[in-house]
Protein backbone atom coordinates (compact mmCIF):
# COMPACT_ATOMS: atom_id res chain seq x y z
CA MET A 1 -7.18 57.39 -25.50
CA ILE A 2 -5.52 53.94 -25.59
CA SER A 3 -4.86 52.26 -22.28
CA ILE A 4 -1.62 50.44 -21.55
CA SER A 5 -3.35 47.04 -21.54
CA GLU A 6 -4.72 47.67 -25.07
CA MET A 7 -1.21 48.43 -26.33
CA PHE A 8 0.18 45.07 -25.22
CA ILE A 9 -2.85 42.79 -25.34
CA SER A 10 -4.88 42.64 -28.50
CA ASN A 11 -8.55 41.73 -28.54
CA ALA A 12 -9.44 38.20 -29.57
CA TYR A 13 -12.40 37.90 -31.89
CA ALA A 14 -14.12 34.69 -32.87
CA ASP A 15 -13.45 33.79 -36.48
CA GLY A 16 -16.19 31.77 -38.13
CA ALA A 17 -13.85 30.70 -40.96
CA ALA A 18 -11.44 28.88 -38.63
CA ALA A 19 -12.60 25.28 -38.48
CA ALA A 20 -11.01 22.18 -36.99
CA PRO A 21 -8.15 20.95 -39.17
CA GLN A 22 -8.84 17.92 -41.35
CA GLY A 23 -7.27 14.67 -40.07
CA GLY A 24 -6.53 16.22 -36.69
CA ASP A 25 -7.47 13.13 -34.70
CA PHE A 26 -4.23 11.26 -35.43
CA MET A 27 -2.11 14.38 -35.01
CA GLN A 28 -3.54 14.93 -31.54
CA PHE A 29 -2.46 11.45 -30.41
CA LEU A 30 0.98 11.58 -32.04
CA PRO A 31 2.69 13.32 -29.06
CA LEU A 32 1.17 10.74 -26.69
CA VAL A 33 2.44 7.87 -28.86
CA ALA A 34 5.89 9.47 -29.03
CA LEU A 35 5.94 9.90 -25.25
CA LEU A 36 5.01 6.26 -24.70
CA ALA A 37 7.75 5.15 -27.12
CA VAL A 38 10.36 7.23 -25.28
CA PHE A 39 9.13 5.86 -21.94
CA TYR A 40 9.43 2.29 -23.22
CA PHE A 41 12.92 2.64 -24.71
CA LEU A 42 14.44 4.70 -21.90
CA ILE A 43 12.84 3.12 -18.84
CA LEU A 44 11.02 -0.17 -19.34
CA ARG A 45 13.31 -1.94 -21.81
CA PRO A 46 16.58 -1.37 -19.88
CA GLN A 47 14.87 -2.45 -16.64
CA GLN A 48 13.63 -5.66 -18.25
CA LYS A 49 17.15 -6.33 -19.54
CA ARG A 50 18.66 -5.89 -16.03
CA VAL A 51 16.07 -8.22 -14.50
CA LYS A 52 16.81 -10.84 -17.15
CA GLU A 53 20.58 -10.61 -16.52
CA GLN A 54 20.09 -10.81 -12.73
CA LYS A 55 17.90 -13.91 -13.10
CA ALA A 56 20.47 -15.61 -15.36
CA MET A 57 23.26 -14.79 -12.88
CA ILE A 58 21.29 -16.25 -9.96
CA GLU A 59 20.46 -19.42 -11.90
CA ALA A 60 24.15 -19.87 -12.80
CA LEU A 61 25.36 -19.75 -9.17
CA GLN A 62 27.49 -22.72 -8.26
CA LYS A 63 29.71 -23.93 -5.46
CA GLY A 64 33.00 -22.01 -5.30
CA ASP A 65 31.71 -18.73 -6.74
CA GLU A 66 32.68 -15.58 -4.88
CA VAL A 67 29.68 -13.31 -4.40
CA ALA A 68 28.66 -9.95 -2.97
CA THR A 69 25.23 -9.66 -1.38
CA VAL A 70 22.87 -6.71 -1.41
CA GLY A 71 23.91 -6.02 2.21
CA GLY A 72 27.57 -5.77 1.19
CA VAL A 73 28.72 -9.11 2.57
CA LEU A 74 31.45 -10.81 0.53
CA GLY A 75 31.85 -14.57 0.63
CA LYS A 76 32.33 -17.83 -1.15
CA VAL A 77 29.38 -20.05 -2.09
CA VAL A 78 29.59 -23.35 -0.21
CA LYS A 79 26.19 -24.83 -1.03
CA VAL A 80 23.46 -23.92 -3.50
CA GLY A 81 19.87 -24.74 -2.60
CA GLU A 82 16.63 -24.13 -4.41
CA ASP A 83 15.91 -20.74 -2.82
CA ASN A 84 18.95 -20.21 -0.58
CA VAL A 85 22.71 -20.13 -0.88
CA ALA A 86 25.18 -20.98 1.89
CA VAL A 87 27.94 -18.37 1.83
CA GLU A 88 31.17 -18.74 3.79
CA ILE A 89 32.14 -15.25 4.93
CA SER A 90 35.08 -16.31 7.10
CA ASP A 91 36.77 -19.55 8.20
CA ASN A 92 34.03 -21.83 9.56
CA VAL A 93 31.42 -19.03 9.40
CA VAL A 94 28.63 -19.90 6.98
CA VAL A 95 25.47 -17.84 6.52
CA GLN A 96 22.33 -18.71 4.61
CA VAL A 97 21.34 -16.04 2.09
CA GLN A 98 18.38 -15.93 -0.25
CA LYS A 99 19.40 -16.18 -3.88
CA ALA A 100 17.66 -12.88 -4.62
CA ALA A 101 20.01 -11.16 -2.14
CA VAL A 102 23.08 -12.02 -4.25
CA GLN A 103 24.00 -8.85 -6.09
CA ASN A 104 27.17 -9.76 -8.00
CA VAL A 105 29.33 -12.74 -8.79
CA LEU A 106 32.92 -11.60 -8.29
CA PRO A 107 35.95 -12.79 -10.25
CA LYS A 108 37.90 -15.62 -8.62
CA GLY A 109 40.46 -14.42 -6.07
CA THR A 110 38.75 -11.12 -5.34
CA ILE A 111 38.16 -11.88 -1.66
CA LYS A 112 41.79 -12.85 -1.04
CA SER A 113 43.01 -9.66 -2.70
CA ILE A 114 40.94 -7.54 -0.27
C-alpha cells in the first residue's frame, strides 16, 4: 500500500555519476558580481554624483545668492566665510549658517515672490 507522502514526495537517491560541473567556480561567483554591479550603479554612483553637485554648489556660493537651508529657512547671502555663511532672513536680521546646512540656491527674486 502506498502512503500519501510517497505519492507526492519521491525518494532521493545518491547518484555516483553526478559530479561537480566543470568550470563551476566562476559561475558560482557570477551572481555575486552581478549583485555588486547593480548595487554600484543604482546606489553608490548616484549618491557620489549628488555629493559632488552639493560640494560644487557650496563652493560657488557668493554674496547676493538666495538660499534655502536644511532647516527650511530662506534668506539672502550677505557674507561668505570659509566655513560659515551670513544669511539675511529679514530686514536687519542676519544669522550665521554653516555652509553644509545650505540645501539649495534659489533663483533670484524667489524670496520676494513668496
